[in-house]
Amino acid sequence: MAKSSALAALDAAIKQSQANAPQRSWFSRLPKEAQQDFAEMKSRCAAGQYLGVSVAVIHRAVVARCKEQGWQEPKSVGTVRDWLKS
């Protein structure tokens, strides 16, 4: 019975830690070099250098660069749109 209680306590602790884990953005999980690379892209977007370019095109470029380098890719166009607006 004690073994079962210890397992139940461990299961509860794991569940709680997962629920309390901070949600990290796609960008924050990238290595620093990648963040610097993409920060320039974000700055240019904010400055209006890519007016008329759809977020889907930017998303494709970001995904291509991530694949090329083995970095985690953003999950969707919306992820990139939210990152550009942040």
N, C-alpha and C. Protein backbone atom coordinates (compact mmCIF):
# COMPACT_ATOMS: atom_id res chain seq x y z
N MET A 1 0.82 -1.20 0.00
CA MET A 1 0.00 0.00 0.00
C MET A 1 0.86 1.26 0.00
N ALA A 2 1.94 1.27 0.76
CA ALA A 2 2.82 2.44 0.81
C ALA A 2 3.42 2.72 -0.56
N LYS A 3 3.74 1.66 -1.29
CA LYS A 3 4.30 1.82 -2.62
C LYS A 3 3.29 2.52 -3.53
N SER A 4 2.06 2.12 -3.45
CA SER A 4 1.01 2.73 -4.24
C SER A 4 0.85 4.20 -3.89
N SER A 5 0.94 4.54 -2.62
CA SER A 5 0.81 5.93 -2.19
C SER A 5 1.98 6.77 -2.68
N ALA A 6 3.19 6.19 -2.66
CA ALA A 6 4.36 6.91 -3.14
C ALA A 6 4.24 7.16 -4.64
N LEU A 7 3.76 6.17 -5.37
CA LEU A 7 3.57 6.35 -6.81
C LEU A 7 2.49 7.39 -7.10
N ALA A 8 1.45 7.35 -6.30
CA ALA A 8 0.38 8.35 -6.48
C ALA A 8 0.91 9.75 -6.21
N ALA A 9 1.75 9.88 -5.18
CA ALA A 9 2.34 11.19 -4.86
C ALA A 9 3.26 11.65 -5.99
N LEU A 10 4.05 10.74 -6.54
CA LEU A 10 4.92 11.09 -7.65
C LEU A 10 4.12 11.50 -8.87
N ASP A 11 3.09 10.74 -9.20
CA ASP A 11 2.23 11.09 -10.33
C ASP A 11 1.61 12.48 -10.15
N ALA A 12 1.16 12.77 -8.95
CA ALA A 12 0.57 14.08 -8.68
C ALA A 12 1.61 15.19 -8.82
N ALA A 13 2.82 14.94 -8.33
CA ALA A 13 3.89 15.94 -8.42
C ALA A 13 4.27 16.20 -9.88
N ILE A 14 4.34 15.15 -10.67
CA ILE A 14 4.66 15.30 -12.09
C ILE A 14 3.57 16.09 -12.80
N LYS A 15 2.33 15.73 -12.52
CA LYS A 15 1.21 16.41 -13.15
C LYS A 15 1.20 17.91 -12.78
N GLN A 16 1.48 18.20 -11.52
CA GLN A 16 1.49 19.60 -11.07
C GLN A 16 2.64 20.36 -11.72
N SER A 17 3.82 19.76 -11.80
CA SER A 17 4.96 20.46 -12.39
C SER A 17 4.73 20.73 -13.87
N GLN A 18 4.08 19.82 -14.57
CA GLN A 18 3.78 20.03 -15.98
C GLN A 18 2.74 21.13 -16.15
N ALA A 19 1.80 21.19 -15.26
CA ALA A 19 0.77 22.22 -15.34
C ALA A 19 1.35 23.60 -15.04
N ASN A 20 2.38 23.65 -14.21
CA ASN A 20 2.98 24.92 -13.82
C ASN A 20 4.18 25.30 -14.67
N ALA A 21 4.53 24.46 -15.63
CA ALA A 21 5.69 24.76 -16.47
C ALA A 21 5.41 26.02 -17.28
N PRO A 22 6.37 26.94 -17.30
CA PRO A 22 6.15 28.16 -18.06
C PRO A 22 6.04 27.86 -19.55
N GLN A 23 5.16 28.55 -20.21
CA GLN A 23 5.00 28.38 -21.65
C GLN A 23 6.06 29.24 -22.34
N ARG A 24 6.98 28.59 -22.97
CA ARG A 24 8.04 29.31 -23.68
C ARG A 24 7.65 29.45 -25.13
N SER A 25 7.92 30.60 -25.67
CA SER A 25 7.59 30.84 -27.06
C SER A 25 8.56 30.11 -27.99
N TRP A 26 8.16 29.99 -29.23
CA TRP A 26 9.03 29.40 -30.25
C TRP A 26 10.36 30.14 -30.27
N PHE A 27 10.30 31.44 -30.28
CA PHE A 27 11.51 32.26 -30.37
C PHE A 27 12.43 32.06 -29.17
N SER A 28 11.87 31.98 -27.98
CA SER A 28 12.71 31.86 -26.77
C SER A 28 13.42 30.52 -26.68
N ARG A 29 12.95 29.52 -27.41
CA ARG A 29 13.59 28.21 -27.39
C ARG A 29 14.75 28.11 -28.38
N LEU A 30 14.89 29.12 -29.22
CA LEU A 30 15.98 29.11 -30.20
C LEU A 30 17.31 29.43 -29.53
N PRO A 31 18.42 28.95 -30.10
CA PRO A 31 19.73 29.35 -29.57
C PRO A 31 19.92 30.86 -29.76
N LYS A 32 20.81 31.44 -28.99
CA LYS A 32 21.05 32.90 -29.05
C LYS A 32 21.40 33.37 -30.45
N GLU A 33 22.21 32.60 -31.17
CA GLU A 33 22.60 32.99 -32.54
C GLU A 33 21.37 33.07 -33.44
N ALA A 34 20.44 32.15 -33.27
CA ALA A 34 19.22 32.16 -34.07
C ALA A 34 18.35 33.35 -33.68
N GLN A 35 18.26 33.64 -32.40
CA GLN A 35 17.47 34.78 -31.95
C GLN A 35 18.01 36.07 -32.55
N GLN A 36 19.32 36.21 -32.62
CA GLN A 36 19.91 37.42 -33.22
C GLN A 36 19.58 37.49 -34.70
N ASP A 37 19.67 36.35 -35.36
CA ASP A 37 19.36 36.27 -36.79
C ASP A 37 17.92 36.71 -37.06
N PHE A 38 16.99 36.17 -36.31
CA PHE A 38 15.58 36.50 -36.52
C PHE A 38 15.20 37.87 -35.96
N ALA A 39 15.93 38.36 -34.98
CA ALA A 39 15.63 39.69 -34.43
C ALA A 39 15.80 40.76 -35.51
N GLU A 40 16.78 40.58 -36.37
CA GLU A 40 16.97 41.53 -37.47
C GLU A 40 15.77 41.51 -38.41
N MET A 41 15.26 40.33 -38.69
CA MET A 41 14.07 40.20 -39.54
C MET A 41 12.89 40.92 -38.89
N LYS A 42 12.72 40.71 -37.60
CA LYS A 42 11.61 41.33 -36.88
C LYS A 42 11.76 42.86 -36.90
N SER A 43 12.96 43.35 -36.72
CA SER A 43 13.21 44.80 -36.74
C SER A 43 12.86 45.39 -38.09
N ARG A 44 13.25 44.70 -39.15
CA ARG A 44 12.94 45.19 -40.49
C ARG A 44 11.44 45.18 -40.76
N CYS A 45 10.75 44.17 -40.26
CA CYS A 45 9.29 44.13 -40.39
C CYS A 45 8.66 45.32 -39.67
N ALA A 46 9.13 45.56 -38.45
CA ALA A 46 8.60 46.68 -37.66
C ALA A 46 8.87 48.02 -38.31
N ALA A 47 9.98 48.12 -39.03
CA ALA A 47 10.34 49.36 -39.71
C ALA A 47 9.60 49.53 -41.04
N GLY A 48 8.82 48.54 -41.43
CA GLY A 48 8.03 48.63 -42.63
C GLY A 48 8.75 48.22 -43.91
N GLN A 49 9.88 47.57 -43.76
CA GLN A 49 10.64 47.18 -44.95
C GLN A 49 10.00 46.04 -45.73
N TYR A 50 9.08 45.32 -45.11
CA TYR A 50 8.43 44.20 -45.77
C TYR A 50 6.94 44.44 -45.97
N LEU A 51 6.56 45.69 -46.12
CA LEU A 51 5.15 46.00 -46.37
C LEU A 51 4.71 45.30 -47.65
N GLY A 52 3.55 44.71 -47.60
CA GLY A 52 3.03 44.00 -48.76
C GLY A 52 3.47 42.55 -48.85
N VAL A 53 4.40 42.14 -47.98
CA VAL A 53 4.83 40.75 -47.94
C VAL A 53 3.95 40.02 -46.93
N SER A 54 3.33 38.95 -47.35
CA SER A 54 2.42 38.25 -46.45
C SER A 54 3.20 37.52 -45.35
N VAL A 55 2.53 37.33 -44.24
CA VAL A 55 3.14 36.61 -43.12
C VAL A 55 3.43 35.17 -43.54
N ALA A 56 2.65 34.62 -44.46
CA ALA A 56 2.89 33.25 -44.94
C ALA A 56 4.26 33.15 -45.62
N VAL A 57 4.64 34.16 -46.37
CA VAL A 57 5.95 34.17 -47.03
C VAL A 57 7.06 34.25 -45.98
N ILE A 58 6.86 35.10 -44.99
CA ILE A 58 7.85 35.22 -43.91
C ILE A 58 7.94 33.90 -43.15
N HIS A 59 6.79 33.28 -42.88
CA HIS A 59 6.77 31.99 -42.19
C HIS A 59 7.57 30.96 -42.97
N ARG A 60 7.38 30.89 -44.27
CA ARG A 60 8.13 29.91 -45.09
C ARG A 60 9.63 30.16 -45.00
N ALA A 61 10.03 31.42 -45.02
CA ALA A 61 11.45 31.74 -44.92
C ALA A 61 12.00 31.34 -43.55
N VAL A 62 11.24 31.60 -42.50
CA VAL A 62 11.66 31.23 -41.15
C VAL A 62 11.78 29.72 -41.02
N VAL A 63 10.80 29.00 -41.52
CA VAL A 63 10.83 27.53 -41.44
C VAL A 63 12.02 26.98 -42.23
N ALA A 64 12.27 27.53 -43.42
CA ALA A 64 13.40 27.07 -44.22
C ALA A 64 14.72 27.27 -43.49
N ARG A 65 14.87 28.44 -42.87
CA ARG A 65 16.11 28.72 -42.12
C ARG A 65 16.23 27.78 -40.92
N CYS A 66 15.15 27.55 -40.22
CA CYS A 66 15.18 26.65 -39.07
C CYS A 66 15.56 25.23 -39.49
N LYS A 67 14.96 24.75 -40.56
CA LYS A 67 15.28 23.41 -41.05
C LYS A 67 16.74 23.31 -41.45
N GLU A 68 17.22 24.33 -42.11
CA GLU A 68 18.61 24.37 -42.57
C GLU A 68 19.59 24.26 -41.40
N GLN A 69 19.24 24.87 -40.28
CA GLN A 69 20.13 24.92 -39.13
C GLN A 69 19.81 23.86 -38.07
N GLY A 70 18.69 23.16 -38.24
CA GLY A 70 18.29 22.17 -37.24
C GLY A 70 17.67 22.79 -36.00
N TRP A 71 17.12 23.99 -36.14
CA TRP A 71 16.45 24.67 -35.03
C TRP A 71 14.97 24.28 -35.03
N GLN A 72 14.34 24.46 -33.88
CA GLN A 72 12.90 24.20 -33.79
C GLN A 72 12.16 25.21 -34.66
N GLU A 73 11.20 24.69 -35.40
CA GLU A 73 10.42 25.53 -36.31
C GLU A 73 9.17 26.08 -35.61
N PRO A 74 8.71 27.25 -36.03
CA PRO A 74 7.42 27.73 -35.52
C PRO A 74 6.32 26.82 -36.04
N LYS A 75 5.29 26.62 -35.24
CA LYS A 75 4.24 25.66 -35.59
C LYS A 75 3.32 26.13 -36.71
N SER A 76 3.14 27.44 -36.81
CA SER A 76 2.16 27.91 -37.79
C SER A 76 2.47 29.34 -38.22
N VAL A 77 1.75 29.77 -39.23
CA VAL A 77 1.83 31.16 -39.67
C VAL A 77 1.43 32.08 -38.52
N GLY A 78 0.43 31.66 -37.75
CA GLY A 78 -0.02 32.46 -36.60
C GLY A 78 1.06 32.65 -35.56
N THR A 79 1.88 31.63 -35.38
CA THR A 79 2.99 31.74 -34.43
C THR A 79 3.94 32.85 -34.86
N VAL A 80 4.26 32.88 -36.15
CA VAL A 80 5.16 33.91 -36.67
C VAL A 80 4.49 35.28 -36.61
N ARG A 81 3.21 35.35 -36.95
CA ARG A 81 2.48 36.62 -36.89
C ARG A 81 2.49 37.17 -35.46
N ASP A 82 2.22 36.31 -34.48
CA ASP A 82 2.22 36.74 -33.07
C ASP A 82 3.61 37.21 -32.65
N TRP A 83 4.64 36.49 -33.09
CA TRP A 83 6.02 36.87 -32.74
C TRP A 83 6.37 38.22 -33.35
N LEU A 84 5.98 38.45 -34.60
CA LEU A 84 6.27 39.74 -35.24
C LEU A 84 5.56 40.89 -34.54
N LYS A 85 4.37 40.64 -33.99
CA LYS A 85 3.60 41.68 -33.31
C LYS A 85 4.08 41.92 -31.86
N SER A 86 4.79 40.96 -31.30
CA SER A 86 5.18 41.07 -29.89
C SER A 86 6.29 42.08 -29.67
